[in-house]
Amino acid sequence: MKRPKFRRSISLGTVDQILGLLTMAASWFEPSERVRDCRDPGADIYLELALVAGAEVIVSSDRDLLSMDPWRDTGIITARAFLERIGSPA
């Protein structure tokens, strides 16, 4: 959320507030199994975290991850698809 592309839509102060709230409400996990399944090795950490957390879905815009849907019974979908799934307007 602190990337320059988001600064057009949301102020840095608002980003800090959102990240603070998410930090307090989040569940924290440490990967317990190494994964080397994604064609982009930098994205494997997300698979490792999904695995240890027992995630039903990974929400991502990363094409390398999206191309793996589903992965080990975990869906990998875009934010738009996630919002459609939960019934929120995109």
N, C-alpha and C. Protein backbone atom coordinates (compact mmCIF):
# COMPACT_ATOMS: atom_id res chain seq x y z
N MET A 1 0.81 -1.20 0.00
CA MET A 1 0.00 0.00 0.00
C MET A 1 0.86 1.26 0.00
N LYS A 2 2.12 1.12 0.26
CA LYS A 2 3.00 2.28 0.26
C LYS A 2 3.70 2.48 -1.08
N ARG A 3 3.33 1.68 -2.05
CA ARG A 3 3.92 1.83 -3.38
C ARG A 3 3.40 3.10 -4.04
N PRO A 4 4.22 3.72 -4.89
CA PRO A 4 3.81 4.97 -5.54
C PRO A 4 2.49 4.89 -6.30
N LYS A 5 2.18 3.73 -6.89
CA LYS A 5 0.94 3.63 -7.68
C LYS A 5 -0.30 3.83 -6.82
N PHE A 6 -0.21 3.59 -5.51
CA PHE A 6 -1.35 3.76 -4.63
C PHE A 6 -1.48 5.19 -4.11
N ARG A 7 -0.44 5.98 -4.19
CA ARG A 7 -0.45 7.34 -3.65
C ARG A 7 -1.45 8.24 -4.37
N ARG A 8 -1.81 7.88 -5.60
CA ARG A 8 -2.81 8.66 -6.33
C ARG A 8 -4.19 8.51 -5.70
N SER A 9 -4.42 7.38 -5.05
CA SER A 9 -5.75 7.06 -4.54
C SER A 9 -5.90 7.22 -3.04
N ILE A 10 -4.80 7.15 -2.31
CA ILE A 10 -4.90 7.11 -0.86
C ILE A 10 -3.69 7.81 -0.25
N SER A 11 -3.93 8.61 0.76
CA SER A 11 -2.85 9.37 1.38
C SER A 11 -1.97 8.45 2.22
N LEU A 12 -0.72 8.87 2.42
CA LEU A 12 0.22 8.09 3.22
C LEU A 12 -0.27 7.95 4.66
N GLY A 13 -0.92 8.99 5.20
CA GLY A 13 -1.46 8.92 6.55
C GLY A 13 -2.55 7.87 6.66
N THR A 14 -3.42 7.80 5.66
CA THR A 14 -4.48 6.79 5.66
C THR A 14 -3.89 5.40 5.52
N VAL A 15 -2.87 5.27 4.70
CA VAL A 15 -2.19 3.98 4.56
C VAL A 15 -1.63 3.54 5.90
N ASP A 16 -0.98 4.45 6.62
CA ASP A 16 -0.42 4.10 7.93
C ASP A 16 -1.51 3.67 8.90
N GLN A 17 -2.65 4.34 8.86
CA GLN A 17 -3.78 3.96 9.73
C GLN A 17 -4.28 2.55 9.40
N ILE A 18 -4.46 2.29 8.12
CA ILE A 18 -4.96 0.98 7.69
C ILE A 18 -3.97 -0.11 8.07
N LEU A 19 -2.71 0.13 7.80
CA LEU A 19 -1.70 -0.88 8.13
C LEU A 19 -1.61 -1.10 9.64
N GLY A 20 -1.78 -0.05 10.42
CA GLY A 20 -1.80 -0.20 11.87
C GLY A 20 -2.95 -1.06 12.35
N LEU A 21 -4.13 -0.82 11.79
CA LEU A 21 -5.29 -1.64 12.15
C LEU A 21 -5.11 -3.10 11.73
N LEU A 22 -4.59 -3.29 10.54
CA LEU A 22 -4.35 -4.66 10.06
C LEU A 22 -3.32 -5.37 10.93
N THR A 23 -2.30 -4.66 11.34
CA THR A 23 -1.26 -5.25 12.18
C THR A 23 -1.85 -5.73 13.50
N MET A 24 -2.73 -4.93 14.09
CA MET A 24 -3.34 -5.32 15.36
C MET A 24 -4.31 -6.49 15.20
N ALA A 25 -5.01 -6.55 14.08
CA ALA A 25 -6.05 -7.56 13.89
C ALA A 25 -5.53 -8.85 13.23
N ALA A 26 -4.32 -8.80 12.72
CA ALA A 26 -3.80 -9.92 11.93
C ALA A 26 -3.40 -11.10 12.80
N SER A 27 -3.44 -12.26 12.18
CA SER A 27 -2.84 -13.46 12.77
C SER A 27 -1.45 -13.58 12.17
N TRP A 28 -0.48 -13.88 13.00
CA TRP A 28 0.91 -13.93 12.55
C TRP A 28 1.37 -15.38 12.43
N PHE A 29 2.05 -15.69 11.34
CA PHE A 29 2.53 -17.04 11.09
C PHE A 29 3.98 -16.99 10.61
N GLU A 30 4.71 -18.03 10.94
CA GLU A 30 6.06 -18.24 10.42
C GLU A 30 6.00 -19.50 9.56
N PRO A 31 6.50 -19.42 8.34
CA PRO A 31 6.49 -20.62 7.49
C PRO A 31 7.23 -21.77 8.16
N SER A 32 6.66 -22.96 8.06
CA SER A 32 7.28 -24.14 8.67
C SER A 32 7.73 -25.14 7.61
N GLU A 33 7.35 -24.89 6.36
CA GLU A 33 7.74 -25.78 5.25
C GLU A 33 8.21 -24.92 4.09
N ARG A 34 9.36 -25.25 3.54
CA ARG A 34 9.85 -24.53 2.37
C ARG A 34 9.09 -24.99 1.13
N VAL A 35 8.74 -24.03 0.30
CA VAL A 35 8.01 -24.31 -0.94
C VAL A 35 8.82 -23.74 -2.09
N ARG A 36 8.91 -24.51 -3.15
CA ARG A 36 9.59 -24.08 -4.37
C ARG A 36 8.70 -24.40 -5.57
N ASP A 37 7.45 -23.95 -5.51
CA ASP A 37 6.47 -24.32 -6.53
C ASP A 37 6.21 -23.25 -7.57
N CYS A 38 6.46 -21.99 -7.24
CA CYS A 38 6.13 -20.89 -8.14
C CYS A 38 7.28 -20.63 -9.11
N ARG A 39 6.95 -20.27 -10.33
CA ARG A 39 8.00 -19.95 -11.30
C ARG A 39 8.76 -18.69 -10.91
N ASP A 40 8.17 -17.86 -10.03
CA ASP A 40 8.85 -16.71 -9.45
C ASP A 40 9.24 -17.07 -8.02
N PRO A 41 10.50 -17.38 -7.76
CA PRO A 41 10.90 -17.81 -6.42
C PRO A 41 10.56 -16.80 -5.33
N GLY A 42 10.46 -15.53 -5.67
CA GLY A 42 10.11 -14.51 -4.69
C GLY A 42 8.68 -14.62 -4.19
N ALA A 43 7.84 -15.31 -4.92
CA ALA A 43 6.43 -15.46 -4.53
C ALA A 43 6.20 -16.71 -3.68
N ASP A 44 7.20 -17.56 -3.56
CA ASP A 44 7.02 -18.78 -2.78
C ASP A 44 6.68 -18.51 -1.32
N ILE A 45 7.12 -17.38 -0.78
CA ILE A 45 6.82 -17.03 0.61
C ILE A 45 5.31 -16.96 0.84
N TYR A 46 4.57 -16.49 -0.14
CA TYR A 46 3.11 -16.39 0.01
C TYR A 46 2.48 -17.78 0.05
N LEU A 47 3.03 -18.69 -0.73
CA LEU A 47 2.56 -20.07 -0.69
C LEU A 47 2.89 -20.71 0.66
N GLU A 48 4.10 -20.45 1.15
CA GLU A 48 4.50 -20.99 2.45
C GLU A 48 3.59 -20.48 3.57
N LEU A 49 3.28 -19.20 3.53
CA LEU A 49 2.40 -18.62 4.55
C LEU A 49 0.98 -19.16 4.44
N ALA A 50 0.49 -19.32 3.23
CA ALA A 50 -0.85 -19.88 3.04
C ALA A 50 -0.91 -21.30 3.57
N LEU A 51 0.16 -22.04 3.36
CA LEU A 51 0.21 -23.42 3.81
C LEU A 51 0.16 -23.51 5.33
N VAL A 52 1.00 -22.76 6.02
CA VAL A 52 1.05 -22.82 7.47
C VAL A 52 -0.22 -22.24 8.10
N ALA A 53 -0.84 -21.28 7.44
CA ALA A 53 -2.05 -20.65 7.98
C ALA A 53 -3.31 -21.46 7.65
N GLY A 54 -3.21 -22.41 6.75
CA GLY A 54 -4.39 -23.17 6.34
C GLY A 54 -5.35 -22.31 5.53
N ALA A 55 -4.81 -21.41 4.74
CA ALA A 55 -5.63 -20.48 3.97
C ALA A 55 -6.48 -21.19 2.92
N GLU A 56 -7.71 -20.72 2.79
CA GLU A 56 -8.59 -21.23 1.73
C GLU A 56 -8.29 -20.56 0.41
N VAL A 57 -7.81 -19.32 0.48
CA VAL A 57 -7.59 -18.54 -0.73
C VAL A 57 -6.44 -17.56 -0.52
N ILE A 58 -5.69 -17.32 -1.59
CA ILE A 58 -4.69 -16.26 -1.64
C ILE A 58 -5.26 -15.21 -2.59
N VAL A 59 -5.29 -13.96 -2.16
CA VAL A 59 -5.75 -12.87 -3.00
C VAL A 59 -4.52 -12.14 -3.51
N SER A 60 -4.37 -12.09 -4.82
CA SER A 60 -3.14 -11.54 -5.41
C SER A 60 -3.40 -11.00 -6.80
N SER A 61 -2.51 -10.10 -7.22
CA SER A 61 -2.52 -9.65 -8.61
C SER A 61 -1.31 -10.21 -9.35
N ASP A 62 -0.51 -11.00 -8.67
CA ASP A 62 0.71 -11.57 -9.24
C ASP A 62 0.35 -12.66 -10.24
N ARG A 63 0.74 -12.47 -11.48
CA ARG A 63 0.37 -13.41 -12.54
C ARG A 63 0.98 -14.79 -12.35
N ASP A 64 2.18 -14.82 -11.77
CA ASP A 64 2.81 -16.12 -11.52
C ASP A 64 2.00 -16.93 -10.51
N LEU A 65 1.53 -16.27 -9.47
CA LEU A 65 0.69 -16.97 -8.49
C LEU A 65 -0.67 -17.32 -9.08
N LEU A 66 -1.29 -16.36 -9.76
CA LEU A 66 -2.61 -16.60 -10.33
C LEU A 66 -2.61 -17.78 -11.30
N SER A 67 -1.51 -17.97 -12.00
CA SER A 67 -1.44 -19.08 -12.96
C SER A 67 -1.44 -20.44 -12.28
N MET A 68 -1.24 -20.47 -10.96
CA MET A 68 -1.17 -21.73 -10.21
C MET A 68 -2.51 -22.15 -9.62
N ASP A 69 -3.55 -21.33 -9.78
CA ASP A 69 -4.85 -21.60 -9.17
C ASP A 69 -5.49 -22.86 -9.73
N PRO A 70 -5.90 -23.76 -8.85
CA PRO A 70 -5.68 -23.83 -7.41
C PRO A 70 -4.32 -24.45 -7.11
N TRP A 71 -3.81 -24.16 -5.93
CA TRP A 71 -2.54 -24.71 -5.48
C TRP A 71 -2.77 -25.44 -4.16
N ARG A 72 -2.52 -26.73 -4.12
CA ARG A 72 -2.69 -27.55 -2.92
C ARG A 72 -4.01 -27.26 -2.20
N ASP A 73 -5.08 -27.24 -2.92
CA ASP A 73 -6.43 -26.98 -2.40
C ASP A 73 -6.63 -25.54 -1.94
N THR A 74 -5.71 -24.65 -2.26
CA THR A 74 -5.85 -23.23 -1.94
C THR A 74 -6.11 -22.48 -3.24
N GLY A 75 -7.22 -21.74 -3.27
CA GLY A 75 -7.50 -20.93 -4.44
C GLY A 75 -6.57 -19.73 -4.50
N ILE A 76 -6.26 -19.27 -5.69
CA ILE A 76 -5.46 -18.07 -5.88
C ILE A 76 -6.24 -17.20 -6.86
N ILE A 77 -6.76 -16.09 -6.35
CA ILE A 77 -7.68 -15.26 -7.13
C ILE A 77 -7.34 -13.78 -7.00
N THR A 78 -7.89 -12.99 -7.90
CA THR A 78 -7.70 -11.55 -7.85
C THR A 78 -8.60 -10.92 -6.78
N ALA A 79 -8.29 -9.69 -6.43
CA ALA A 79 -9.12 -8.97 -5.46
C ALA A 79 -10.54 -8.83 -5.98
N ARG A 80 -10.70 -8.56 -7.25
CA ARG A 80 -12.04 -8.43 -7.84
C ARG A 80 -12.82 -9.73 -7.69
N ALA A 81 -12.18 -10.85 -8.00
CA ALA A 81 -12.85 -12.15 -7.86
C ALA A 81 -13.20 -12.43 -6.40
N PHE A 82 -12.33 -12.03 -5.49
CA PHE A 82 -12.61 -12.23 -4.07
C PHE A 82 -13.82 -11.41 -3.64
N LEU A 83 -13.87 -10.15 -4.06
CA LEU A 83 -15.02 -9.31 -3.71
C LEU A 83 -16.31 -9.85 -4.31
N GLU A 84 -16.23 -10.36 -5.52
CA GLU A 84 -17.42 -10.97 -6.13
C GLU A 84 -17.84 -12.22 -5.35
N ARG A 85 -16.89 -12.96 -4.87
CA ARG A 85 -17.16 -14.18 -4.12
C ARG A 85 -17.88 -13.87 -2.80
N ILE A 86 -17.48 -12.80 -2.15
CA ILE A 86 -18.09 -12.47 -0.85
C ILE A 86 -19.30 -11.55 -1.01
N GLY A 87 -19.61 -11.18 -2.26
CA GLY A 87 -20.81 -10.39 -2.49
C GLY A 87 -20.65 -8.90 -2.32
N SER A 88 -19.42 -8.38 -2.34
CA SER A 88 -19.20 -6.95 -2.24
C SER A 88 -19.05 -6.36 -3.63
N PRO A 89 -19.47 -5.11 -3.81
CA PRO A 89 -19.28 -4.48 -5.11
C PRO A 89 -17.80 -4.26 -5.39
N ALA A 90 -17.38 -4.52 -6.60
CA ALA A 90 -15.96 -4.37 -6.95
C ALA A 90 -15.61 -2.95 -7.30
